[in-house]
Amino acid sequence: MDTGCIFHLYDDRGLYLFGPKKEYLIDVWKEFYDDVFVDCKNFKIDVEKLYWIDGKDDDPEDLCLHGDIVVTIGEEIIDYSCTVSAAALRMLRTLSRDHLPTIGEQMLPCCGHTMIANETLDEVDIIGCDDGIDWTVIHENSMVKIITENENTVYIYTFSIRRKFYVLYIW
């Protein structure tokens, strides 16, 4: 009552927590993480090694940083050498947008040889070859649903802002 938080409990569809400060919801997250947020550990990215295509520690002429990446999505482990500069851009975009598997725009692209900026120069598309690893990212009900190429599905919980209230959805 002291925090001004509001909750709405569904019978089998989860719990919405609304709070005027993000910190209140983070406190709930920390206190009940192991009990409620079991599926939150289902997505992890490890960078094993970063390098330029010619093997040098630094190459100012090369715009594509490469690396050996290990992505864990649920029980599935994806180990792939990709263009991490393009992969990072694509993954950052999924914070606010859905992503459907697309040839030449994979989440872990083999290469990113073509860069196309928009007219205002505030966004760039990086397009590569047909090789790479991809997965689906869909935003639903304050959660992010990830579906791998092998049809494995995990959910990640998110915070969102709704009219001066922060929302944490637990499912």
N, C-alpha and C. Protein backbone atom coordinates (compact mmCIF):
# COMPACT_ATOMS: atom_id res chain seq x y z
N MET A 1 0.82 -1.19 0.00
CA MET A 1 0.00 0.00 0.00
C MET A 1 0.86 1.26 0.00
N ASP A 2 2.01 1.20 0.66
CA ASP A 2 2.87 2.39 0.76
C ASP A 2 3.49 2.78 -0.58
N THR A 3 3.64 1.81 -1.48
CA THR A 3 4.33 2.08 -2.74
C THR A 3 3.39 2.57 -3.84
N GLY A 4 2.10 2.36 -3.69
CA GLY A 4 1.17 2.76 -4.75
C GLY A 4 1.13 1.76 -5.89
N CYS A 5 1.66 0.55 -5.67
CA CYS A 5 1.64 -0.47 -6.71
C CYS A 5 0.25 -1.08 -6.81
N ILE A 6 -0.11 -1.48 -8.00
CA ILE A 6 -1.39 -2.10 -8.28
C ILE A 6 -1.10 -3.44 -8.94
N PHE A 7 -1.88 -4.46 -8.63
CA PHE A 7 -1.69 -5.72 -9.32
C PHE A 7 -3.01 -6.22 -9.86
N HIS A 8 -2.92 -7.01 -10.91
CA HIS A 8 -4.08 -7.65 -11.51
C HIS A 8 -3.70 -9.09 -11.75
N LEU A 9 -4.35 -10.00 -11.04
CA LEU A 9 -4.02 -11.42 -11.10
C LEU A 9 -5.03 -12.15 -11.98
N TYR A 10 -4.53 -12.84 -12.98
CA TYR A 10 -5.36 -13.69 -13.82
C TYR A 10 -5.32 -15.09 -13.25
N ASP A 11 -6.39 -15.87 -13.44
CA ASP A 11 -6.44 -17.22 -12.89
C ASP A 11 -5.30 -18.10 -13.42
N ASP A 12 -5.12 -18.14 -14.70
CA ASP A 12 -4.08 -19.00 -15.27
C ASP A 12 -3.24 -18.27 -16.31
N ARG A 13 -3.38 -16.98 -16.40
CA ARG A 13 -2.69 -16.24 -17.45
C ARG A 13 -1.67 -15.25 -16.93
N GLY A 14 -1.33 -15.32 -15.67
CA GLY A 14 -0.25 -14.48 -15.19
C GLY A 14 -0.70 -13.37 -14.26
N LEU A 15 0.21 -12.46 -13.99
CA LEU A 15 0.02 -11.38 -13.05
C LEU A 15 0.64 -10.12 -13.62
N TYR A 16 -0.12 -9.03 -13.62
CA TYR A 16 0.42 -7.73 -13.99
C TYR A 16 0.69 -6.96 -12.71
N LEU A 17 1.88 -6.40 -12.58
CA LEU A 17 2.21 -5.50 -11.48
C LEU A 17 2.45 -4.12 -12.07
N PHE A 18 1.75 -3.11 -11.55
CA PHE A 18 1.91 -1.74 -11.99
C PHE A 18 2.52 -0.95 -10.84
N GLY A 19 3.51 -0.13 -11.12
CA GLY A 19 4.11 0.68 -10.08
C GLY A 19 4.55 2.03 -10.61
N PRO A 20 4.47 3.07 -9.78
CA PRO A 20 4.85 4.41 -10.22
C PRO A 20 6.36 4.58 -10.39
N LYS A 21 7.14 3.64 -9.82
CA LYS A 21 8.60 3.69 -9.97
C LYS A 21 9.11 2.32 -10.38
N LYS A 22 10.02 2.33 -11.31
CA LYS A 22 10.60 1.08 -11.80
C LYS A 22 11.29 0.31 -10.67
N GLU A 23 11.85 1.04 -9.71
CA GLU A 23 12.58 0.43 -8.60
C GLU A 23 11.69 -0.51 -7.80
N TYR A 24 10.41 -0.17 -7.64
CA TYR A 24 9.50 -1.03 -6.89
C TYR A 24 9.38 -2.39 -7.56
N LEU A 25 9.28 -2.39 -8.87
CA LEU A 25 9.14 -3.64 -9.59
C LEU A 25 10.45 -4.41 -9.63
N ILE A 26 11.55 -3.70 -9.67
CA ILE A 26 12.85 -4.36 -9.61
C ILE A 26 13.03 -5.06 -8.27
N ASP A 27 12.53 -4.44 -7.20
CA ASP A 27 12.59 -5.08 -5.88
C ASP A 27 11.83 -6.40 -5.88
N VAL A 28 10.64 -6.42 -6.50
CA VAL A 28 9.85 -7.65 -6.61
C VAL A 28 10.63 -8.68 -7.43
N TRP A 29 11.19 -8.22 -8.53
CA TRP A 29 11.99 -9.08 -9.41
C TRP A 29 13.11 -9.76 -8.61
N LYS A 30 13.85 -8.97 -7.83
CA LYS A 30 14.97 -9.51 -7.07
C LYS A 30 14.51 -10.48 -5.98
N GLU A 31 13.44 -10.12 -5.28
CA GLU A 31 12.99 -10.94 -4.15
C GLU A 31 12.43 -12.29 -4.59
N PHE A 32 11.70 -12.31 -5.71
CA PHE A 32 11.02 -13.53 -6.11
C PHE A 32 11.60 -14.16 -7.38
N TYR A 33 12.77 -13.74 -7.79
CA TYR A 33 13.36 -14.21 -9.05
C TYR A 33 13.38 -15.73 -9.14
N ASP A 34 13.95 -16.41 -8.14
CA ASP A 34 14.10 -17.86 -8.21
C ASP A 34 12.77 -18.60 -8.13
N ASP A 35 11.75 -17.98 -7.53
CA ASP A 35 10.46 -18.64 -7.38
C ASP A 35 9.55 -18.44 -8.59
N VAL A 36 9.58 -17.25 -9.15
CA VAL A 36 8.62 -16.90 -10.19
C VAL A 36 9.25 -16.85 -11.58
N PHE A 37 10.43 -16.31 -11.66
CA PHE A 37 11.03 -16.02 -12.97
C PHE A 37 11.94 -17.15 -13.44
N VAL A 38 11.44 -18.37 -13.38
CA VAL A 38 12.24 -19.53 -13.74
C VAL A 38 12.72 -19.47 -15.18
N ASP A 39 11.85 -19.07 -16.11
CA ASP A 39 12.19 -19.06 -17.53
C ASP A 39 13.12 -17.92 -17.94
N CYS A 40 13.40 -16.99 -17.06
CA CYS A 40 14.23 -15.84 -17.43
C CYS A 40 15.66 -16.22 -17.75
N LYS A 41 16.07 -17.39 -17.35
CA LYS A 41 17.45 -17.82 -17.58
C LYS A 41 17.58 -18.55 -18.91
N ASN A 42 16.56 -18.47 -19.74
CA ASN A 42 16.53 -19.24 -20.97
C ASN A 42 17.16 -18.56 -22.17
N PHE A 43 17.77 -17.40 -22.00
CA PHE A 43 18.41 -16.73 -23.13
C PHE A 43 19.73 -16.15 -22.65
N LYS A 44 20.81 -16.53 -23.31
CA LYS A 44 22.13 -16.08 -22.89
C LYS A 44 23.02 -16.00 -24.12
N ILE A 45 23.88 -14.98 -24.15
CA ILE A 45 24.84 -14.82 -25.25
C ILE A 45 26.24 -14.75 -24.65
N ASP A 46 27.12 -15.61 -25.11
CA ASP A 46 28.52 -15.59 -24.71
C ASP A 46 29.38 -15.31 -25.93
N VAL A 47 30.29 -14.37 -25.79
CA VAL A 47 31.24 -14.06 -26.87
C VAL A 47 32.54 -14.76 -26.52
N GLU A 48 32.91 -15.72 -27.34
CA GLU A 48 34.12 -16.49 -27.09
C GLU A 48 35.38 -15.76 -27.57
N LYS A 49 35.28 -15.15 -28.75
CA LYS A 49 36.46 -14.49 -29.34
C LYS A 49 35.98 -13.46 -30.36
N LEU A 50 36.63 -12.29 -30.39
CA LEU A 50 36.34 -11.26 -31.38
C LEU A 50 37.57 -11.07 -32.26
N TYR A 51 37.35 -10.81 -33.56
CA TYR A 51 38.48 -10.65 -34.48
C TYR A 51 38.01 -9.96 -35.76
N TRP A 52 38.95 -9.43 -36.49
CA TRP A 52 38.69 -8.87 -37.82
C TRP A 52 38.96 -9.96 -38.82
N ILE A 53 38.41 -9.85 -39.98
CA ILE A 53 38.47 -10.91 -40.98
C ILE A 53 39.92 -11.27 -41.36
N ASP A 54 40.83 -10.30 -41.28
CA ASP A 54 42.23 -10.59 -41.60
C ASP A 54 43.01 -11.10 -40.39
N GLY A 55 42.34 -11.25 -39.24
CA GLY A 55 42.99 -11.80 -38.05
C GLY A 55 43.70 -10.78 -37.19
N LYS A 56 43.77 -9.52 -37.61
CA LYS A 56 44.44 -8.49 -36.82
C LYS A 56 43.60 -8.12 -35.59
N ASP A 57 44.28 -7.56 -34.58
CA ASP A 57 43.59 -7.08 -33.39
C ASP A 57 42.71 -5.88 -33.72
N ASP A 58 43.14 -5.08 -34.68
CA ASP A 58 42.36 -3.91 -35.08
C ASP A 58 42.60 -3.66 -36.56
N ASP A 59 41.56 -3.33 -37.27
CA ASP A 59 41.66 -3.02 -38.69
C ASP A 59 40.69 -1.89 -38.99
N PRO A 60 41.17 -0.62 -39.00
CA PRO A 60 40.28 0.52 -39.23
C PRO A 60 39.59 0.51 -40.59
N GLU A 61 40.11 -0.25 -41.54
CA GLU A 61 39.50 -0.33 -42.87
C GLU A 61 38.33 -1.32 -42.92
N ASP A 62 38.28 -2.23 -41.97
CA ASP A 62 37.24 -3.26 -41.96
C ASP A 62 36.10 -2.80 -41.06
N LEU A 63 34.89 -2.72 -41.58
CA LEU A 63 33.73 -2.27 -40.81
C LEU A 63 32.97 -3.42 -40.15
N CYS A 64 33.39 -4.66 -40.39
CA CYS A 64 32.65 -5.81 -39.89
C CYS A 64 33.47 -6.59 -38.87
N LEU A 65 33.13 -6.44 -37.61
CA LEU A 65 33.77 -7.21 -36.55
C LEU A 65 33.17 -8.61 -36.56
N HIS A 66 34.03 -9.62 -36.51
CA HIS A 66 33.58 -11.01 -36.49
C HIS A 66 33.83 -11.60 -35.10
N GLY A 67 33.23 -12.73 -34.84
CA GLY A 67 33.44 -13.36 -33.55
C GLY A 67 32.83 -14.74 -33.47
N ASP A 68 33.31 -15.49 -32.48
CA ASP A 68 32.76 -16.80 -32.18
C ASP A 68 31.77 -16.61 -31.05
N ILE A 69 30.50 -16.91 -31.31
CA ILE A 69 29.41 -16.61 -30.40
C ILE A 69 28.72 -17.91 -29.99
N VAL A 70 28.34 -17.99 -28.73
CA VAL A 70 27.53 -19.11 -28.24
C VAL A 70 26.25 -18.50 -27.67
N VAL A 71 25.11 -18.87 -28.26
CA VAL A 71 23.81 -18.39 -27.81
C VAL A 71 23.05 -19.57 -27.23
N THR A 72 22.53 -19.39 -26.03
CA THR A 72 21.70 -20.42 -25.40
C THR A 72 20.27 -19.92 -25.41
N ILE A 73 19.40 -20.68 -26.05
CA ILE A 73 17.97 -20.38 -26.10
C ILE A 73 17.27 -21.62 -25.56
N GLY A 74 16.82 -21.54 -24.32
CA GLY A 74 16.24 -22.72 -23.67
C GLY A 74 17.31 -23.78 -23.51
N GLU A 75 17.01 -24.98 -23.98
CA GLU A 75 17.97 -26.08 -23.92
C GLU A 75 18.88 -26.13 -25.15
N GLU A 76 18.60 -25.28 -26.13
CA GLU A 76 19.35 -25.30 -27.39
C GLU A 76 20.57 -24.39 -27.28
N ILE A 77 21.71 -24.91 -27.69
CA ILE A 77 22.95 -24.14 -27.69
C ILE A 77 23.40 -23.96 -29.14
N ILE A 78 23.56 -22.70 -29.53
CA ILE A 78 23.95 -22.36 -30.90
C ILE A 78 25.37 -21.80 -30.85
N ASP A 79 26.29 -22.48 -31.46
CA ASP A 79 27.70 -22.08 -31.50
C ASP A 79 28.01 -21.70 -32.94
N TYR A 80 28.35 -20.42 -33.19
CA TYR A 80 28.47 -19.97 -34.57
C TYR A 80 29.47 -18.82 -34.66
N SER A 81 30.23 -18.78 -35.73
CA SER A 81 31.12 -17.66 -36.03
C SER A 81 30.36 -16.73 -36.96
N CYS A 82 30.20 -15.48 -36.55
CA CYS A 82 29.36 -14.57 -37.32
C CYS A 82 29.95 -13.16 -37.35
N THR A 83 29.27 -12.29 -38.06
CA THR A 83 29.62 -10.87 -38.07
C THR A 83 28.89 -10.26 -36.87
N VAL A 84 29.61 -10.07 -35.77
CA VAL A 84 28.97 -9.63 -34.53
C VAL A 84 28.48 -8.19 -34.58
N SER A 85 29.10 -7.36 -35.42
CA SER A 85 28.63 -5.98 -35.52
C SER A 85 27.21 -5.94 -36.09
N ALA A 86 26.94 -6.75 -37.11
CA ALA A 86 25.59 -6.82 -37.67
C ALA A 86 24.65 -7.55 -36.72
N ALA A 87 25.13 -8.61 -36.06
CA ALA A 87 24.30 -9.36 -35.11
C ALA A 87 23.87 -8.47 -33.95
N ALA A 88 24.78 -7.66 -33.44
CA ALA A 88 24.45 -6.76 -32.32
C ALA A 88 23.37 -5.77 -32.73
N LEU A 89 23.50 -5.20 -33.91
CA LEU A 89 22.48 -4.25 -34.39
C LEU A 89 21.12 -4.93 -34.51
N ARG A 90 21.09 -6.12 -35.07
CA ARG A 90 19.81 -6.82 -35.24
C ARG A 90 19.20 -7.20 -33.90
N MET A 91 20.02 -7.65 -32.96
CA MET A 91 19.48 -8.01 -31.65
C MET A 91 19.00 -6.79 -30.88
N LEU A 92 19.71 -5.68 -30.99
CA LEU A 92 19.26 -4.45 -30.32
C LEU A 92 17.91 -4.01 -30.87
N ARG A 93 17.70 -4.17 -32.15
CA ARG A 93 16.41 -3.78 -32.74
C ARG A 93 15.26 -4.60 -32.18
N THR A 94 15.54 -5.84 -31.76
CA THR A 94 14.46 -6.68 -31.24
C THR A 94 14.03 -6.25 -29.84
N LEU A 95 14.69 -5.29 -29.25
CA LEU A 95 14.21 -4.76 -27.97
C LEU A 95 12.88 -4.06 -28.13
N SER A 96 12.63 -3.53 -29.32
CA SER A 96 11.37 -2.82 -29.55
C SER A 96 10.59 -3.30 -30.78
N ARG A 97 11.16 -4.22 -31.55
CA ARG A 97 10.50 -4.70 -32.77
C ARG A 97 10.50 -6.21 -32.83
N ASP A 98 9.51 -6.75 -33.51
CA ASP A 98 9.51 -8.17 -33.80
C ASP A 98 10.53 -8.47 -34.90
N HIS A 99 10.97 -9.71 -34.96
CA HIS A 99 11.87 -10.13 -36.03
C HIS A 99 11.42 -11.50 -36.51
N LEU A 100 11.19 -11.61 -37.80
CA LEU A 100 10.86 -12.89 -38.42
C LEU A 100 12.06 -13.34 -39.24
N PRO A 101 12.33 -14.64 -39.29
CA PRO A 101 13.49 -15.12 -40.06
C PRO A 101 13.46 -14.59 -41.49
N THR A 102 14.61 -14.04 -41.89
CA THR A 102 14.72 -13.40 -43.20
C THR A 102 16.08 -13.75 -43.80
N ILE A 103 16.08 -14.26 -45.01
CA ILE A 103 17.34 -14.56 -45.69
C ILE A 103 18.10 -13.26 -45.92
N GLY A 104 19.37 -13.27 -45.56
CA GLY A 104 20.21 -12.09 -45.71
C GLY A 104 20.16 -11.15 -44.52
N GLU A 105 19.25 -11.40 -43.57
CA GLU A 105 19.15 -10.56 -42.37
C GLU A 105 19.00 -11.43 -41.12
N GLN A 106 19.79 -12.49 -41.03
CA GLN A 106 19.74 -13.41 -39.92
C GLN A 106 20.23 -12.75 -38.62
N MET A 107 19.78 -13.28 -37.49
CA MET A 107 20.22 -12.76 -36.20
C MET A 107 21.72 -12.97 -36.00
N LEU A 108 22.24 -14.08 -36.45
CA LEU A 108 23.69 -14.33 -36.43
C LEU A 108 24.14 -14.48 -37.89
N PRO A 109 24.43 -13.37 -38.55
CA PRO A 109 24.77 -13.43 -39.98
C PRO A 109 26.20 -13.87 -40.22
N CYS A 110 26.39 -14.62 -41.29
CA CYS A 110 27.73 -14.98 -41.73
C CYS A 110 28.52 -13.73 -42.08
N CYS A 111 27.87 -12.85 -42.81
CA CYS A 111 28.54 -11.62 -43.24
C CYS A 111 27.55 -10.47 -43.29
N GLY A 112 28.08 -9.29 -43.39
CA GLY A 112 27.25 -8.09 -43.50
C GLY A 112 27.93 -7.13 -44.45
N HIS A 113 28.04 -7.55 -45.69
CA HIS A 113 28.86 -6.81 -46.65
C HIS A 113 28.21 -5.57 -47.24
N THR A 114 26.90 -5.40 -47.08
CA THR A 114 26.25 -4.23 -47.67
C THR A 114 25.54 -3.43 -46.58
N MET A 115 25.86 -2.14 -46.48
CA MET A 115 25.23 -1.26 -45.50
C MET A 115 24.46 -0.19 -46.25
N ILE A 116 23.18 -0.04 -45.90
CA ILE A 116 22.33 0.95 -46.56
C ILE A 116 21.72 1.85 -45.49
N ALA A 117 22.09 3.12 -45.52
CA ALA A 117 21.54 4.09 -44.56
C ALA A 117 20.24 4.67 -45.11
N ASN A 118 19.33 5.06 -44.20
CA ASN A 118 18.12 5.71 -44.67
C ASN A 118 18.42 7.18 -44.99
N GLU A 119 17.42 7.91 -45.47
CA GLU A 119 17.63 9.30 -45.93
C GLU A 119 18.09 10.23 -44.82
N THR A 120 17.63 10.03 -43.59
CA THR A 120 18.00 10.91 -42.48
C THR A 120 19.27 10.45 -41.77
N LEU A 121 19.83 9.35 -42.22
CA LEU A 121 21.07 8.78 -41.67
C LEU A 121 20.98 8.41 -40.20
N ASP A 122 19.76 8.11 -39.72
CA ASP A 122 19.63 7.72 -38.32
C ASP A 122 19.37 6.21 -38.16
N GLU A 123 19.38 5.50 -39.27
CA GLU A 123 19.20 4.06 -39.23
C GLU A 123 19.92 3.44 -40.41
N VAL A 124 20.43 2.23 -40.20
CA VAL A 124 21.16 1.55 -41.27
C VAL A 124 20.70 0.09 -41.32
N ASP A 125 20.58 -0.43 -42.52
CA ASP A 125 20.34 -1.86 -42.72
C ASP A 125 21.65 -2.48 -43.15
N ILE A 126 21.97 -3.61 -42.55
CA ILE A 126 23.17 -4.35 -42.93
C ILE A 126 22.70 -5.66 -43.53
N ILE A 127 23.03 -5.87 -44.78
CA ILE A 127 22.57 -7.04 -45.52
C ILE A 127 23.78 -7.89 -45.88
N GLY A 128 23.62 -9.20 -45.71
CA GLY A 128 24.72 -10.11 -46.00
C GLY A 128 24.30 -11.20 -46.95
N CYS A 129 24.94 -12.35 -46.81
CA CYS A 129 24.66 -13.49 -47.68
C CYS A 129 23.51 -14.32 -47.09
N ASP A 130 23.24 -15.46 -47.71
CA ASP A 130 22.15 -16.32 -47.26
C ASP A 130 22.52 -17.20 -46.07
N ASP A 131 23.80 -17.22 -45.68
CA ASP A 131 24.25 -18.08 -44.58
C ASP A 131 24.09 -17.37 -43.25
N GLY A 132 23.79 -18.12 -42.22
CA GLY A 132 23.66 -17.58 -40.89
C GLY A 132 22.64 -18.37 -40.08
N ILE A 133 22.47 -17.95 -38.84
CA ILE A 133 21.52 -18.59 -37.93
C ILE A 133 20.46 -17.55 -37.60
N ASP A 134 19.22 -17.97 -37.60
CA ASP A 134 18.14 -17.02 -37.36
C ASP A 134 17.16 -17.58 -36.34
N TRP A 135 16.40 -16.71 -35.73
CA TRP A 135 15.29 -17.10 -34.86
C TRP A 135 14.24 -16.01 -34.89
N THR A 136 13.06 -16.35 -34.44
CA THR A 136 11.94 -15.43 -34.42
C THR A 136 11.89 -14.72 -33.07
N VAL A 137 11.57 -13.43 -33.08
CA VAL A 137 11.37 -12.66 -31.85
C VAL A 137 10.02 -11.97 -31.98
N ILE A 138 9.12 -12.28 -31.05
CA ILE A 138 7.77 -11.70 -31.08
C ILE A 138 7.46 -11.11 -29.70
N HIS A 139 7.00 -9.87 -29.69
CA HIS A 139 6.60 -9.20 -28.45
C HIS A 139 5.13 -9.47 -28.20
N GLU A 140 4.81 -10.08 -27.05
CA GLU A 140 3.41 -10.32 -26.69
C GLU A 140 3.23 -10.16 -25.20
N ASN A 141 2.25 -9.37 -24.82
CA ASN A 141 1.86 -9.23 -23.40
C ASN A 141 3.04 -8.91 -22.48
N SER A 142 3.82 -7.92 -22.81
CA SER A 142 4.98 -7.52 -22.01
C SER A 142 6.01 -8.63 -21.87
N MET A 143 6.00 -9.54 -22.80
CA MET A 143 7.00 -10.61 -22.83
C MET A 143 7.57 -10.68 -24.24
N VAL A 144 8.72 -11.32 -24.33
CA VAL A 144 9.32 -11.56 -25.63
C VAL A 144 9.37 -13.07 -25.83
N LYS A 145 8.81 -13.51 -26.94
CA LYS A 145 8.78 -14.92 -27.29
C LYS A 145 9.85 -15.16 -28.35
N ILE A 146 10.74 -16.11 -28.08
CA ILE A 146 11.81 -16.45 -29.02
C ILE A 146 11.58 -17.87 -29.50
N ILE A 147 11.59 -18.05 -30.82
CA ILE A 147 11.40 -19.37 -31.42
C ILE A 147 12.60 -19.65 -32.32
N THR A 148 13.30 -20.73 -32.03
CA THR A 148 14.49 -21.07 -32.83
C THR A 148 14.09 -21.75 -34.13
N GLU A 149 15.07 -21.95 -34.99
CA GLU A 149 14.84 -22.65 -36.25
C GLU A 149 14.38 -24.09 -36.01
N ASN A 150 14.74 -24.65 -34.83
CA ASN A 150 14.33 -26.01 -34.47
C ASN A 150 13.00 -26.03 -33.72
N GLU A 151 12.27 -24.90 -33.72
CA GLU A 151 10.95 -24.77 -33.10
C GLU A 151 10.98 -24.76 -31.57
N ASN A 152 12.14 -24.60 -30.95
CA ASN A 152 12.19 -24.44 -29.50
C ASN A 152 11.72 -23.03 -29.15
N THR A 153 10.89 -22.91 -28.12
CA THR A 153 10.30 -21.63 -27.75
C THR A 153 10.61 -21.30 -26.30
N VAL A 154 11.04 -20.06 -26.06
CA VAL A 154 11.26 -19.56 -24.70
C VAL A 154 10.60 -18.19 -24.59
N TYR A 155 10.33 -17.81 -23.35
CA TYR A 155 9.76 -16.49 -23.07
C TYR A 155 10.71 -15.73 -22.17
N ILE A 156 10.82 -14.44 -22.41
CA ILE A 156 11.64 -13.56 -21.58
C ILE A 156 10.73 -12.44 -21.10
N TYR A 157 10.81 -12.13 -19.82
CA TYR A 157 9.97 -11.10 -19.23
C TYR A 157 10.56 -9.73 -19.49
N THR A 158 9.71 -8.74 -19.66
CA THR A 158 10.17 -7.39 -19.95
C THR A 158 9.44 -6.38 -19.08
N PHE A 159 10.03 -5.22 -18.97
CA PHE A 159 9.39 -4.07 -18.33
C PHE A 159 8.89 -3.17 -19.44
N SER A 160 7.75 -2.54 -19.23
CA SER A 160 7.28 -1.56 -20.19
C SER A 160 6.69 -0.38 -19.43
N ILE A 161 6.48 0.71 -20.12
CA ILE A 161 5.92 1.90 -19.49
C ILE A 161 4.53 2.14 -20.05
N ARG A 162 3.56 2.31 -19.19
CA ARG A 162 2.20 2.60 -19.60
C ARG A 162 1.69 3.78 -18.79
N ARG A 163 1.64 4.95 -19.38
CA ARG A 163 1.07 6.14 -18.75
C ARG A 163 1.61 6.40 -17.34
N LYS A 164 2.84 6.65 -17.21
CA LYS A 164 3.50 6.98 -15.95
C LYS A 164 3.58 5.82 -14.98
N PHE A 165 3.14 4.64 -15.36
CA PHE A 165 3.29 3.46 -14.53
C PHE A 165 4.20 2.48 -15.25
N TYR A 166 5.06 1.82 -14.50
CA TYR A 166 5.86 0.74 -15.05
C TYR A 166 5.09 -0.55 -14.86
N VAL A 167 5.25 -1.47 -15.80
CA VAL A 167 4.49 -2.71 -15.76
C VAL A 167 5.46 -3.87 -15.80
N LEU A 168 5.26 -4.84 -14.92
CA LEU A 168 5.99 -6.10 -14.96
C LEU A 168 4.96 -7.19 -15.14
N TYR A 169 5.10 -7.98 -16.19
CA TYR A 169 4.15 -9.06 -16.45
C TYR A 169 4.82 -10.37 -16.08
N ILE A 170 4.17 -11.15 -15.25
CA ILE A 170 4.68 -12.45 -14.82
C ILE A 170 3.74 -13.50 -15.36
N TRP A 171 4.31 -14.49 -16.08
CA TRP A 171 3.46 -15.52 -16.67
C TRP A 171 4.01 -16.87 -16.38
